[in-house]
N, C-alpha and C. Protein backbone atom coordinates (compact mmCIF):
# COMPACT_ATOMS: atom_id res chain seq x y z
N MET A 1 -10.79 29.24 -2.54
CA MET A 1 -9.97 28.51 -1.40
C MET A 1 -10.73 27.46 -0.76
N LEU A 2 -11.98 27.77 -0.36
CA LEU A 2 -12.93 26.66 0.41
C LEU A 2 -13.04 25.48 -0.67
N VAL A 3 -13.21 25.69 -1.90
CA VAL A 3 -13.47 24.74 -2.86
C VAL A 3 -12.19 23.73 -2.93
N MET A 4 -11.04 24.39 -2.91
CA MET A 4 -9.80 23.57 -2.95
C MET A 4 -9.69 22.71 -1.75
N LEU A 5 -9.94 23.30 -0.51
CA LEU A 5 -9.88 22.57 0.72
C LEU A 5 -10.87 21.37 0.67
N MET A 6 -12.14 21.50 0.05
CA MET A 6 -13.13 20.49 0.13
C MET A 6 -12.60 19.29 -0.80
N ALA A 7 -12.01 19.87 -1.99
CA ALA A 7 -11.49 18.86 -2.81
C ALA A 7 -10.39 18.05 -2.30
N MET A 8 -9.60 18.66 -1.61
CA MET A 8 -8.49 17.96 -0.97
C MET A 8 -8.98 16.96 -0.02
N ALA A 9 -9.93 17.40 0.84
CA ALA A 9 -10.57 16.53 1.80
C ALA A 9 -11.22 15.23 1.16
N PHE A 10 -12.04 15.43 0.08
CA PHE A 10 -12.64 14.34 -0.51
C PHE A 10 -11.61 13.37 -1.18
N GLY A 11 -10.43 14.05 -1.70
CA GLY A 11 -9.36 13.26 -2.47
C GLY A 11 -8.79 12.29 -1.43
N SER A 12 -8.46 12.85 -0.14
CA SER A 12 -7.74 12.04 0.99
C SER A 12 -8.76 11.03 1.45
N GLN A 13 -10.00 11.46 1.41
CA GLN A 13 -10.97 10.38 1.87
C GLN A 13 -10.96 9.07 0.98
N ALA A 14 -11.08 9.38 -0.33
CA ALA A 14 -10.98 8.17 -1.27
C ALA A 14 -9.77 7.30 -1.24
N GLN A 15 -8.72 8.12 -0.99
CA GLN A 15 -7.34 7.33 -0.86
C GLN A 15 -7.36 6.37 0.29
N ASP A 16 -8.10 6.68 1.38
CA ASP A 16 -8.05 5.77 2.50
C ASP A 16 -9.12 4.68 2.49
N GLN A 17 -9.82 4.57 1.48
CA GLN A 17 -11.01 3.63 1.46
C GLN A 17 -10.58 2.29 1.10
N THR A 18 -9.29 1.98 0.65
CA THR A 18 -8.98 0.73 0.28
C THR A 18 -7.72 0.33 1.03
N PRO A 19 -7.50 0.43 2.37
CA PRO A 19 -6.16 -0.05 2.92
C PRO A 19 -5.87 -1.41 2.91
N ARG A 20 -6.92 -2.24 3.07
CA ARG A 20 -6.50 -3.58 2.83
C ARG A 20 -6.20 -4.01 1.50
N ALA A 21 -6.73 -3.41 0.41
CA ALA A 21 -6.23 -3.69 -0.94
C ALA A 21 -4.80 -3.26 -1.14
N ASP A 22 -4.45 -2.04 -0.49
CA ASP A 22 -3.11 -1.45 -0.75
C ASP A 22 -2.25 -2.30 0.02
N GLN A 23 -2.49 -2.79 1.07
CA GLN A 23 -1.63 -3.73 1.96
C GLN A 23 -1.39 -4.97 1.18
N ARG A 24 -2.43 -5.55 0.56
CA ARG A 24 -2.42 -6.91 0.00
C ARG A 24 -1.57 -6.60 -1.31
N GLN A 25 -1.71 -5.55 -1.98
CA GLN A 25 -0.95 -5.47 -3.34
C GLN A 25 0.56 -5.24 -2.90
N GLN A 26 0.86 -4.65 -1.84
CA GLN A 26 2.22 -4.34 -1.40
C GLN A 26 2.76 -5.77 -1.12
N TYR A 27 2.00 -6.54 -0.45
CA TYR A 27 2.49 -7.93 -0.16
C TYR A 27 2.72 -8.71 -1.45
N GLN A 28 1.82 -8.64 -2.38
CA GLN A 28 1.92 -9.40 -3.74
C GLN A 28 3.19 -8.94 -4.37
N ARG A 29 3.40 -7.64 -4.31
CA ARG A 29 4.63 -7.10 -5.21
C ARG A 29 5.94 -7.63 -4.48
N ALA A 30 5.85 -7.76 -3.13
CA ALA A 30 7.19 -8.29 -2.43
C ALA A 30 7.23 -9.84 -2.88
N ARG A 31 6.11 -10.51 -2.98
CA ARG A 31 6.29 -11.98 -3.30
C ARG A 31 6.84 -12.10 -4.73
N ILE A 32 6.48 -11.23 -5.52
CA ILE A 32 7.02 -11.31 -6.86
C ILE A 32 8.56 -10.84 -7.00
N ARG A 33 8.78 -9.98 -6.18
CA ARG A 33 10.19 -9.59 -6.04
C ARG A 33 11.09 -10.61 -5.40
N GLN A 34 10.50 -11.37 -4.48
CA GLN A 34 11.23 -12.43 -3.74
C GLN A 34 11.33 -13.66 -4.78
N GLY A 35 10.34 -13.82 -5.63
CA GLY A 35 10.47 -14.84 -6.54
C GLY A 35 11.54 -14.64 -7.56
N TRP A 36 11.68 -13.38 -7.96
CA TRP A 36 12.91 -13.15 -8.97
C TRP A 36 14.02 -13.24 -8.21
N VAL A 37 14.34 -12.75 -6.94
CA VAL A 37 15.53 -12.97 -6.36
C VAL A 37 15.88 -14.33 -6.07
N ASN A 38 14.89 -15.24 -5.82
CA ASN A 38 15.10 -16.64 -5.50
C ASN A 38 15.39 -17.64 -6.77
N GLY A 39 15.09 -16.97 -7.86
CA GLY A 39 15.19 -17.60 -9.12
C GLY A 39 13.88 -18.39 -9.51
N ASP A 40 12.76 -18.34 -8.74
CA ASP A 40 11.62 -19.06 -8.96
C ASP A 40 10.89 -18.50 -10.12
N LEU A 41 11.12 -17.33 -10.45
CA LEU A 41 10.35 -16.74 -11.60
C LEU A 41 11.34 -16.30 -12.66
N THR A 42 11.04 -16.60 -13.93
CA THR A 42 11.69 -16.17 -14.94
C THR A 42 11.37 -14.68 -15.36
N ARG A 43 12.19 -14.08 -16.27
CA ARG A 43 12.05 -12.64 -16.54
C ARG A 43 10.58 -12.47 -17.04
N ARG A 44 10.06 -13.26 -17.95
CA ARG A 44 9.02 -13.20 -18.57
C ARG A 44 7.77 -13.28 -17.56
N GLU A 45 7.85 -14.30 -16.59
CA GLU A 45 6.84 -14.46 -15.63
C GLU A 45 6.79 -13.37 -14.62
N ALA A 46 7.98 -12.75 -14.25
CA ALA A 46 7.93 -11.53 -13.36
C ALA A 46 7.23 -10.36 -14.06
N ALA A 47 7.57 -10.13 -15.26
CA ALA A 47 7.16 -9.08 -15.92
C ALA A 47 5.55 -9.22 -16.04
N ARG A 48 5.13 -10.53 -16.47
CA ARG A 48 3.75 -10.63 -16.45
C ARG A 48 2.98 -10.40 -15.22
N LEU A 49 3.51 -10.92 -14.13
CA LEU A 49 2.95 -10.67 -12.80
C LEU A 49 3.00 -9.11 -12.33
N ALA A 50 4.11 -8.61 -12.75
CA ALA A 50 4.08 -7.01 -12.46
C ALA A 50 3.06 -6.41 -13.26
N ALA A 51 2.84 -6.76 -14.59
CA ALA A 51 1.83 -6.00 -15.35
C ALA A 51 0.46 -6.20 -14.63
N ALA A 52 0.16 -7.42 -14.17
CA ALA A 52 -1.21 -7.71 -13.46
C ALA A 52 -1.29 -6.81 -12.25
N GLN A 53 -0.17 -6.36 -11.42
CA GLN A 53 -0.26 -5.62 -10.43
C GLN A 53 -0.56 -4.15 -10.85
N ARG A 54 0.02 -3.81 -11.94
CA ARG A 54 -0.21 -2.44 -12.50
C ARG A 54 -1.76 -2.33 -12.88
N MET A 55 -2.43 -3.44 -13.53
CA MET A 55 -3.72 -3.42 -13.80
C MET A 55 -4.64 -3.30 -12.56
N ILE A 56 -4.28 -3.92 -11.56
CA ILE A 56 -4.99 -3.93 -10.19
C ILE A 56 -4.87 -2.48 -9.72
N ARG A 57 -3.78 -1.82 -9.69
CA ARG A 57 -3.51 -0.41 -9.39
C ARG A 57 -4.34 0.43 -10.14
N ARG A 58 -4.53 0.34 -11.45
CA ARG A 58 -5.24 1.27 -12.25
C ARG A 58 -6.79 0.99 -11.92
N GLY A 59 -7.17 -0.31 -11.79
CA GLY A 59 -8.52 -0.46 -11.30
C GLY A 59 -8.82 0.15 -9.95
N GLU A 60 -7.88 0.20 -9.07
CA GLU A 60 -8.30 0.93 -7.88
C GLU A 60 -8.20 2.47 -8.02
N CYS A 61 -7.31 2.91 -8.84
CA CYS A 61 -7.40 4.35 -9.09
C CYS A 61 -8.77 4.73 -9.75
N PHE A 62 -9.21 3.81 -10.74
CA PHE A 62 -10.54 4.12 -11.32
C PHE A 62 -11.63 4.05 -10.24
N ALA A 63 -11.56 3.04 -9.35
CA ALA A 63 -12.67 3.06 -8.41
C ALA A 63 -12.65 4.30 -7.41
N LYS A 64 -11.54 4.75 -7.17
CA LYS A 64 -11.36 5.87 -6.47
C LYS A 64 -11.71 7.33 -7.02
N ALA A 65 -11.72 7.29 -8.31
CA ALA A 65 -11.86 8.64 -9.11
C ALA A 65 -13.09 9.50 -8.81
N ASP A 66 -14.05 8.82 -8.41
CA ASP A 66 -15.09 9.57 -8.09
C ASP A 66 -15.27 10.01 -6.56
N GLY A 67 -14.38 9.53 -5.79
CA GLY A 67 -14.23 9.95 -4.32
C GLY A 67 -14.98 8.85 -3.45
N ARG A 68 -15.51 7.85 -4.12
CA ARG A 68 -16.12 6.84 -3.28
C ARG A 68 -15.99 5.46 -3.91
N VAL A 69 -15.53 4.46 -3.18
CA VAL A 69 -15.30 3.03 -3.56
C VAL A 69 -16.59 2.28 -3.07
N THR A 70 -17.46 1.89 -4.14
CA THR A 70 -18.56 1.19 -4.02
C THR A 70 -18.43 -0.27 -3.57
N PRO A 71 -19.33 -0.87 -3.07
CA PRO A 71 -19.16 -2.18 -2.59
C PRO A 71 -18.88 -3.28 -4.01
N ASN A 72 -19.53 -2.87 -5.11
CA ASN A 72 -19.16 -3.62 -6.32
C ASN A 72 -17.81 -3.42 -6.69
N GLU A 73 -17.23 -2.10 -6.45
CA GLU A 73 -15.87 -1.90 -7.06
C GLU A 73 -14.93 -2.65 -6.04
N ARG A 74 -15.26 -2.75 -4.66
CA ARG A 74 -14.33 -3.54 -3.78
C ARG A 74 -14.44 -5.01 -4.22
N ILE A 75 -15.53 -5.45 -4.63
CA ILE A 75 -15.64 -7.02 -4.85
C ILE A 75 -14.71 -7.12 -6.07
N ARG A 76 -14.86 -6.21 -7.15
CA ARG A 76 -14.12 -6.36 -8.44
C ARG A 76 -12.64 -6.20 -7.97
N LEU A 77 -12.07 -5.27 -7.17
CA LEU A 77 -10.78 -5.28 -6.79
C LEU A 77 -10.24 -6.43 -6.10
N HIS A 78 -11.15 -7.11 -5.17
CA HIS A 78 -10.78 -8.20 -4.42
C HIS A 78 -10.60 -9.46 -5.48
N ARG A 79 -11.46 -9.64 -6.35
CA ARG A 79 -11.43 -10.74 -7.32
C ARG A 79 -10.12 -10.48 -8.06
N MET A 80 -9.72 -9.42 -8.57
CA MET A 80 -8.53 -9.23 -9.17
C MET A 80 -7.35 -9.64 -8.44
N GLN A 81 -7.44 -9.25 -7.13
CA GLN A 81 -6.10 -9.59 -6.35
C GLN A 81 -6.20 -11.10 -6.09
N GLN A 82 -7.40 -11.68 -5.99
CA GLN A 82 -7.38 -13.27 -5.78
C GLN A 82 -6.79 -13.86 -6.89
N ARG A 83 -7.20 -13.51 -8.30
CA ARG A 83 -6.59 -14.03 -9.52
C ARG A 83 -5.07 -13.86 -9.63
N ALA A 84 -4.59 -12.64 -9.20
CA ALA A 84 -3.17 -12.35 -9.12
C ALA A 84 -2.43 -13.19 -8.20
N ASN A 85 -3.05 -13.38 -7.00
CA ASN A 85 -2.51 -14.26 -5.85
C ASN A 85 -2.29 -15.70 -6.39
N ARG A 86 -3.27 -16.11 -6.97
CA ARG A 86 -3.14 -17.54 -7.43
C ARG A 86 -2.13 -17.77 -8.53
N GLU A 87 -2.11 -16.63 -9.39
CA GLU A 87 -1.12 -16.73 -10.47
C GLU A 87 0.29 -16.70 -9.95
N ILE A 88 0.55 -15.73 -8.87
CA ILE A 88 1.75 -15.72 -8.28
C ILE A 88 2.25 -17.11 -7.76
N TYR A 89 1.41 -17.66 -7.06
CA TYR A 89 1.57 -18.93 -6.38
C TYR A 89 1.97 -19.99 -7.56
N ARG A 90 1.23 -20.06 -8.56
CA ARG A 90 1.35 -20.90 -9.66
C ARG A 90 2.72 -20.77 -10.39
N GLN A 91 3.09 -19.60 -10.68
CA GLN A 91 4.28 -19.25 -11.29
C GLN A 91 5.48 -19.55 -10.55
N ARG A 92 5.39 -19.18 -9.19
CA ARG A 92 6.61 -19.38 -8.39
C ARG A 92 6.82 -21.07 -8.06
N HIS A 93 5.88 -21.83 -8.19
CA HIS A 93 5.87 -23.29 -7.83
C HIS A 93 5.84 -24.17 -9.14
N ASP A 94 5.85 -23.59 -10.27
CA ASP A 94 6.05 -24.38 -11.47
C ASP A 94 7.44 -24.87 -11.62
N ARG A 95 7.71 -25.68 -12.61
CA ARG A 95 9.05 -26.36 -12.72
C ARG A 95 10.01 -25.37 -13.32
N GLN A 96 9.52 -24.35 -13.79
CA GLN A 96 10.48 -23.27 -14.73
C GLN A 96 11.12 -22.51 -13.68
N ASN A 97 12.36 -22.22 -13.74
CA ASN A 97 13.19 -21.37 -12.93
C ASN A 97 14.15 -20.66 -13.57
N ARG A 98 14.78 -19.48 -13.18
CA ARG A 98 15.69 -18.77 -13.78
C ARG A 98 17.05 -19.24 -13.53
N LEU A 99 17.21 -20.02 -12.60
CA LEU A 99 18.55 -20.38 -12.25
C LEU A 99 19.06 -21.86 -12.85
N ASN A 100 18.15 -22.51 -13.56
CA ASN A 100 18.53 -23.73 -14.19
C ASN A 100 19.12 -23.51 -15.45
């Protein structure tokens, strides 16, 4: 019983180590959704951007797997999110759109 409680405590600690990354990812998903609703993104663009968000989520889960997110893992997640952010901007502001 004690071991299970300790495992739960460490698991919840790892989940709380990346609140900024979680918030940023939620914001990026909302931007993708809004781009689709506005017609700024084609189906293919939206799917590709959503796949990038899934890769970031997998990277975050991998970083949290051992119960601790190291500084290098934080940097890697941050860079992945920066790349995704730039790509969302590029795709939403290119001349392609779904409504034309």
